Amino acid sequence: MKVVAFNGSARKNGNTAILINIVLGELEKEGIATELVQFAGEKIRGCLACMKCWENKDQRCSVNNDILNACIEKMIEADGIILGSPTYFANVSTELKALIDRAGMTSIANDRMFSRKVGAAVVAARRAGALHVFNSINHFFFIGQMIVPGSIYWNMGFGLDKGEVEKDDEGLNTMKSLGENMAWILKKIHGK
């Protein structure tokens, strides 16, 4: 079993990555392989609405000049997918939105190829707006017919400066519980 996580933050190894890594740590304790892909420094364009994914049906986006198709390949191979984003103006980062739109459209065009994978949102916020980010990510999972585990609270942690989220005990415990629940679901699905 494997879970791939995508950090949509412009800051590599910032608060969003810290929260994702707590979830990944719990998965690894349960023997589940993990991988973290960070979008910091990457330029990922949005969907062109060209509909070529519906024509080609090759599990790829027709835009081929960024890392998006490599991300889609990782999502196809994985049993679980984590999407993490900081809260930018009460929404997901631009890069994560591009992944959601393009991977989502490609998935639907290819018989909902992410169906029944386990998906989890991880959100970092300074103060507010995080619930909308959490919902936006979960909408991707739900429309893709994915399985979404819960936690002890919404999957978010709070902090502004890099590392500040580590002071949010409730957020850290939420991520730990999310990792445990995601591992439990993956093991049940795979008969372990």
Protein backbone atom coordinates (compact mmCIF):
# COMPACT_ATOMS: atom_id res chain seq x y z
CA MET A 1 0.00 0.00 0.00
CA LYS A 2 1.11 3.54 -0.71
CA VAL A 3 -0.10 7.06 0.00
CA VAL A 4 1.07 10.04 -2.01
CA ALA A 5 0.76 13.54 -0.54
CA PHE A 6 0.84 16.82 -2.42
CA ASN A 7 1.89 19.97 -0.60
CA GLY A 8 0.30 22.90 -2.44
CA SER A 9 2.23 25.50 -0.46
CA ALA A 10 4.59 28.04 -2.02
CA ARG A 11 6.83 27.40 1.02
CA LYS A 12 8.76 24.15 0.93
CA ASN A 13 8.80 22.41 4.31
CA GLY A 14 6.57 25.06 5.88
CA ASN A 15 3.50 24.61 8.07
CA THR A 16 1.54 22.64 5.49
CA ALA A 17 4.41 20.17 5.03
CA ILE A 18 4.80 19.84 8.81
CA LEU A 19 1.13 18.86 9.14
CA ILE A 20 1.28 16.46 6.17
CA ASN A 21 4.40 14.81 7.57
CA ILE A 22 2.61 14.05 10.84
CA VAL A 23 -0.09 12.19 8.89
CA LEU A 24 2.56 10.40 6.80
CA GLY A 25 4.42 9.41 9.96
CA GLU A 26 1.36 7.63 11.31
CA LEU A 27 0.89 5.82 8.00
CA GLU A 28 4.54 4.73 7.97
CA LYS A 29 4.17 3.35 11.53
CA GLU A 30 1.51 1.05 10.07
CA GLY A 31 3.81 -0.14 7.29
CA ILE A 32 2.27 1.99 4.54
CA ALA A 33 4.72 3.53 2.08
CA THR A 34 4.47 7.29 1.61
CA GLU A 35 5.72 9.99 -0.73
CA LEU A 36 5.55 13.76 -0.41
CA VAL A 37 5.47 15.96 -3.52
CA GLN A 38 6.00 19.67 -2.84
CA PHE A 39 4.82 22.27 -5.33
CA ALA A 40 7.09 25.08 -4.04
CA GLY A 41 8.94 26.53 -7.00
CA GLU A 42 6.83 24.66 -9.57
CA LYS A 43 4.66 26.42 -12.12
CA ILE A 44 1.46 24.47 -12.67
CA ARG A 45 -1.11 25.94 -15.00
CA GLY A 46 -4.84 25.60 -14.64
CA CYS A 47 -7.23 23.61 -16.80
CA LEU A 48 -7.68 24.85 -20.37
CA ALA A 49 -11.13 23.27 -20.71
CA CYS A 50 -9.93 21.79 -24.00
CA MET A 51 -11.74 18.50 -23.24
CA LYS A 52 -8.94 16.49 -24.89
CA CYS A 53 -8.86 14.21 -21.85
CA TRP A 54 -12.36 13.10 -22.92
CA GLU A 55 -11.14 12.40 -26.45
CA ASN A 56 -7.79 10.79 -25.62
CA LYS A 57 -8.85 8.73 -22.58
CA ASP A 58 -5.18 8.01 -21.83
CA GLN A 59 -5.22 9.00 -18.13
CA ARG A 60 -3.23 12.14 -18.94
CA CYS A 61 -3.91 15.84 -19.25
CA SER A 62 -3.17 17.19 -22.73
CA VAL A 63 -1.13 20.03 -21.22
CA ASN A 64 2.29 18.44 -21.01
CA ASN A 65 4.71 21.21 -20.03
CA ASP A 66 4.55 20.99 -16.23
CA ILE A 67 4.61 18.31 -13.51
CA LEU A 68 0.87 17.65 -13.51
CA ASN A 69 0.94 14.41 -15.52
CA ALA A 70 3.68 13.06 -13.25
CA CYS A 71 1.39 13.88 -10.31
CA ILE A 72 -1.54 12.10 -11.97
CA GLU A 73 0.65 9.01 -12.47
CA LYS A 74 1.54 9.03 -8.77
CA MET A 75 -2.16 9.37 -7.90
CA ILE A 76 -3.07 6.42 -10.12
CA GLU A 77 -0.41 4.23 -8.52
CA ALA A 78 -1.32 5.20 -4.95
CA ASP A 79 -3.97 3.66 -2.72
CA GLY A 80 -4.41 6.94 -0.85
CA ILE A 81 -4.02 10.60 -1.73
CA ILE A 82 -3.43 13.53 0.62
CA LEU A 83 -3.93 17.06 -0.67
CA GLY A 84 -2.47 19.77 1.55
CA SER A 85 -2.83 23.50 1.16
CA PRO A 86 -2.22 26.67 3.09
CA THR A 87 -5.17 29.04 3.31
CA TYR A 88 -4.77 31.81 0.73
CA PHE A 89 -7.63 34.32 0.78
CA ALA A 90 -9.92 31.61 2.24
CA ASN A 91 -9.12 29.17 -0.56
CA VAL A 92 -6.61 26.58 -1.74
CA SER A 93 -3.34 27.65 -3.32
CA THR A 94 -3.29 28.26 -7.06
CA GLU A 95 -1.08 25.25 -7.66
CA LEU A 96 -3.34 22.90 -5.70
CA LYS A 97 -6.39 24.26 -7.49
CA ALA A 98 -4.71 23.48 -10.81
CA LEU A 99 -4.09 19.90 -9.62
CA ILE A 100 -7.68 19.55 -8.45
CA ASP A 101 -9.13 20.86 -11.72
CA ARG A 102 -6.87 19.03 -14.14
CA ALA A 103 -6.51 15.73 -12.27
CA GLY A 104 -10.22 15.80 -11.44
CA MET A 105 -11.28 16.33 -15.05
CA THR A 106 -8.82 13.70 -16.28
CA SER A 107 -10.12 11.23 -13.69
CA ILE A 108 -13.77 11.76 -14.63
CA ALA A 109 -12.91 11.48 -18.36
CA ASN A 110 -11.19 8.15 -17.65
CA ASP A 111 -14.00 6.33 -15.84
CA ARG A 112 -13.31 8.03 -12.49
CA MET A 113 -9.90 6.44 -12.14
CA PHE A 114 -9.47 7.63 -8.52
CA SER A 115 -12.71 5.98 -7.41
CA ARG A 116 -12.45 4.14 -4.07
CA LYS A 117 -9.00 5.47 -3.26
CA VAL A 118 -8.73 6.99 0.21
CA GLY A 119 -8.38 10.77 0.21
CA ALA A 120 -7.59 13.22 3.00
CA ALA A 121 -7.33 17.01 3.17
CA VAL A 122 -4.69 18.77 5.26
CA VAL A 123 -5.01 22.53 5.76
CA ALA A 124 -2.72 25.13 7.32
CA ALA A 125 -4.09 28.54 8.25
CA ARG A 126 -2.99 31.66 10.05
CA ARG A 127 -6.39 32.39 11.57
CA ALA A 128 -9.51 31.90 9.43
CA GLY A 129 -10.77 30.67 6.06
CA ALA A 130 -9.49 27.14 6.57
CA LEU A 131 -12.92 25.51 6.54
CA HIS A 132 -13.50 26.62 2.95
CA VAL A 133 -10.11 25.17 1.95
CA PHE A 134 -10.98 21.91 3.73
CA ASN A 135 -14.32 21.75 1.89
CA SER A 136 -12.77 22.57 -1.50
CA ILE A 137 -10.34 19.69 -1.20
CA ASN A 138 -13.04 17.31 0.02
CA HIS A 139 -15.25 18.26 -2.94
CA PHE A 140 -12.51 16.86 -5.20
CA PHE A 141 -12.53 13.59 -3.24
CA PHE A 142 -16.31 13.28 -3.15
CA ILE A 143 -16.90 13.99 -6.84
CA GLY A 144 -14.16 11.45 -7.61
CA GLN A 145 -16.03 8.81 -5.56
CA MET A 146 -13.18 8.51 -3.09
CA ILE A 147 -13.33 7.40 0.54
CA VAL A 148 -12.64 10.18 3.08
CA PRO A 149 -11.64 9.34 6.67
CA GLY A 150 -12.50 11.62 9.56
CA SER A 151 -10.43 12.78 12.50
CA ILE A 152 -11.04 14.30 15.93
CA TYR A 153 -11.64 17.72 14.36
CA TRP A 154 -11.40 19.31 10.93
CA ASN A 155 -8.00 18.52 9.41
CA MET A 156 -6.34 21.86 10.00
CA GLY A 157 -3.55 23.41 11.98
CA PHE A 158 -2.88 27.05 12.80
CA GLY A 159 0.29 29.11 12.55
CA LEU A 160 1.78 31.92 10.50
CA ASP A 161 5.55 31.69 10.64
CA LYS A 162 7.33 28.57 9.44
CA GLY A 163 7.12 25.96 12.20
CA GLU A 164 4.55 27.88 14.24
CA VAL A 165 1.95 25.18 13.54
CA GLU A 166 3.99 22.90 15.83
CA LYS A 167 2.60 24.91 18.78
CA ASP A 168 -0.98 23.97 17.83
CA ASP A 169 -1.43 20.83 19.96
CA GLU A 170 -5.02 20.27 18.82
CA GLY A 171 -4.00 20.55 15.17
CA LEU A 172 -1.12 18.12 15.68
CA ASN A 173 -3.37 15.62 17.44
CA THR A 174 -5.91 15.97 14.62
CA MET A 175 -3.23 15.08 12.06
CA LYS A 176 -2.09 12.10 14.15
CA SER A 177 -5.66 10.82 14.38
CA LEU A 178 -6.17 11.39 10.65
CA GLY A 179 -3.10 9.28 9.87
CA GLU A 180 -4.29 6.50 12.17
CA ASN A 181 -7.78 6.51 10.62
CA MET A 182 -6.44 6.61 7.08
CA ALA A 183 -4.18 3.63 7.83
CA TRP A 184 -7.10 1.72 9.36
CA ILE A 185 -9.30 2.30 6.30
CA LEU A 186 -6.52 1.34 3.86
CA LYS A 187 -5.89 -1.89 5.77
CA LYS A 188 -9.61 -2.75 5.79
CA ILE A 189 -9.88 -2.11 2.05
CA HIS A 190 -6.85 -4.30 1.38
CA GLY A 191 -7.93 -7.08 3.77
CA LYS A 192 -5.17 -6.57 6.32
